[in-house]
Amino acid sequence: MPDDDNDVGRQMAPYLTLGAQLAAAVLIMFFVGRWLDAKLNTSPWCMVGGLMFGIGAGLFQFIRTVLDLAKKEEK
């Protein structure tokens, strides 16, 4: 029985990290934008740009990962 629990955990692991990956991309680019705004005195434009880039990149990675996982499940 413990092998079944371990197998389920292994199958769920990629899905459990998707939210954290999306949040990390958004937060990292937000703070990079804030840092650039402080250096270039362009507040809030780099922050907004970084936030938009982080959202786009995070969603792209999220969708790509979900599609890859769906293909693996079909096999």
C-alpha atoms as a PDB file:
ATOM      1  CA  MET A   1       0.000   0.000   0.000  1.00  0.00           C
ATOM      2  CA  PRO A   2       2.778   2.559   0.707  1.00  0.00           C
ATOM      3  CA  ASP A   3       3.979   2.146  -2.880  1.00  0.00           C
ATOM      4  CA  ASP A   4       0.583   3.361  -4.127  1.00  0.00           C
ATOM      5  CA  ASP A   5       0.801   6.513  -1.991  1.00  0.00           C
ATOM      6  CA  ASN A   6       4.310   7.223  -3.230  1.00  0.00           C
ATOM      7  CA  ASP A   7       3.226   6.728  -6.838  1.00  0.00           C
ATOM      8  CA  VAL A   8       0.330   9.170  -6.448  1.00  0.00           C
ATOM      9  CA  GLY A   9       2.664  11.729  -4.891  1.00  0.00           C
ATOM     10  CA  ARG A  10       5.071  11.381  -7.796  1.00  0.00           C
ATOM     11  CA  GLN A  11       2.249  11.863 -10.288  1.00  0.00           C
ATOM     12  CA  MET A  12       0.936  14.981  -8.516  1.00  0.00           C
ATOM     13  CA  ALA A  13       4.288  16.694  -7.911  1.00  0.00           C
ATOM     14  CA  PRO A  14       4.531  18.511 -11.277  1.00  0.00           C
ATOM     15  CA  TYR A  15       1.016  19.915 -10.857  1.00  0.00           C
ATOM     16  CA  LEU A  16       1.665  21.110  -7.321  1.00  0.00           C
ATOM     17  CA  THR A  17       4.588  23.272  -8.407  1.00  0.00           C
ATOM     18  CA  LEU A  18       2.749  25.074 -11.222  1.00  0.00           C
ATOM     19  CA  GLY A  19       1.281  27.786  -8.996  1.00  0.00           C
ATOM     20  CA  ALA A  20       4.596  28.480  -7.321  1.00  0.00           C
ATOM     21  CA  GLN A  21       6.344  28.781 -10.698  1.00  0.00           C
ATOM     22  CA  LEU A  22       3.764  31.278 -11.940  1.00  0.00           C
ATOM     23  CA  ALA A  23       3.952  33.341  -8.754  1.00  0.00           C
ATOM     24  CA  ALA A  24       7.754  33.293  -8.785  1.00  0.00           C
ATOM     25  CA  ALA A  25       7.938  34.596 -12.359  1.00  0.00           C
ATOM     26  CA  VAL A  26       5.565  37.464 -11.568  1.00  0.00           C
ATOM     27  CA  LEU A  27       7.245  38.420  -8.289  1.00  0.00           C
ATOM     28  CA  ILE A  28      10.796  38.245  -9.618  1.00  0.00           C
ATOM     29  CA  MET A  29      10.012  40.475 -12.591  1.00  0.00           C
ATOM     30  CA  PHE A  30       8.047  42.876 -10.354  1.00  0.00           C
ATOM     31  CA  PHE A  31      11.057  43.367  -8.093  1.00  0.00           C
ATOM     32  CA  VAL A  32      13.470  43.612 -11.028  1.00  0.00           C
ATOM     33  CA  GLY A  33      11.254  46.384 -12.411  1.00  0.00           C
ATOM     34  CA  ARG A  34      11.207  48.180  -9.061  1.00  0.00           C
ATOM     35  CA  TRP A  35      14.991  47.948  -8.847  1.00  0.00           C
ATOM     36  CA  LEU A  36      15.339  49.359 -12.377  1.00  0.00           C
ATOM     37  CA  ASP A  37      12.935  52.185 -11.517  1.00  0.00           C
ATOM     38  CA  ALA A  38      15.117  53.121  -8.545  1.00  0.00           C
ATOM     39  CA  LYS A  39      18.281  53.070 -10.688  1.00  0.00           C
ATOM     40  CA  LEU A  40      16.826  54.851 -13.717  1.00  0.00           C
ATOM     41  CA  ASN A  41      14.348  57.131 -11.892  1.00  0.00           C
ATOM     42  CA  THR A  42      11.515  56.004 -14.180  1.00  0.00           C
ATOM     43  CA  SER A  43       8.945  55.060 -11.542  1.00  0.00           C
ATOM     44  CA  PRO A  44       6.560  53.190 -12.125  1.00  0.00           C
ATOM     45  CA  TRP A  45       7.202  52.254 -15.766  1.00  0.00           C
ATOM     46  CA  CYS A  46       9.842  49.562 -15.356  1.00  0.00           C
ATOM     47  CA  MET A  47       7.855  48.008 -12.533  1.00  0.00           C
ATOM     48  CA  VAL A  48       4.708  47.860 -14.676  1.00  0.00           C
ATOM     49  CA  GLY A  49       6.672  46.528 -17.636  1.00  0.00           C
ATOM     50  CA  GLY A  50       8.375  43.916 -15.493  1.00  0.00           C
ATOM     51  CA  LEU A  51       5.045  42.904 -14.004  1.00  0.00           C
ATOM     52  CA  MET A  52       3.473  42.501 -17.445  1.00  0.00           C
ATOM     53  CA  PHE A  53       6.477  40.552 -18.706  1.00  0.00           C
ATOM     54  CA  GLY A  54       6.401  38.315 -15.627  1.00  0.00           C
ATOM     55  CA  ILE A  55       2.699  37.594 -16.093  1.00  0.00           C
ATOM     56  CA  GLY A  56       3.189  36.772 -19.758  1.00  0.00           C
ATOM     57  CA  ALA A  57       6.250  34.616 -19.217  1.00  0.00           C
ATOM     58  CA  GLY A  58       4.678  32.864 -16.236  1.00  0.00           C
ATOM     59  CA  LEU A  59       1.477  32.076 -18.138  1.00  0.00           C
ATOM     60  CA  PHE A  60       3.458  30.868 -21.136  1.00  0.00           C
ATOM     61  CA  GLN A  61       5.471  28.494 -18.945  1.00  0.00           C
ATOM     62  CA  PHE A  62       2.322  27.390 -17.103  1.00  0.00           C
ATOM     63  CA  ILE A  63       0.483  26.510 -20.312  1.00  0.00           C
ATOM     64  CA  ARG A  64       3.519  24.811 -21.816  1.00  0.00           C
ATOM     65  CA  THR A  65       4.007  22.656 -18.722  1.00  0.00           C
ATOM     66  CA  VAL A  66       0.325  21.687 -18.558  1.00  0.00           C
ATOM     67  CA  LEU A  67       0.319  20.686 -22.231  1.00  0.00           C
ATOM     68  CA  ASP A  68       3.498  18.628 -21.782  1.00  0.00           C
ATOM     69  CA  LEU A  69       2.010  16.862 -18.761  1.00  0.00           C
ATOM     70  CA  ALA A  70      -1.200  16.146 -20.675  1.00  0.00           C
ATOM     71  CA  LYS A  71       0.806  14.576 -23.504  1.00  0.00           C
ATOM     72  CA  LYS A  72       2.659  12.365 -21.030  1.00  0.00           C
ATOM     73  CA  GLU A  73      -0.623  11.182 -19.510  1.00  0.00           C
ATOM     74  CA  GLU A  74      -1.989  10.212 -22.924  1.00  0.00           C
ATOM     75  CA  LYS A  75       0.912   7.839 -23.552  1.00  0.00           C
END
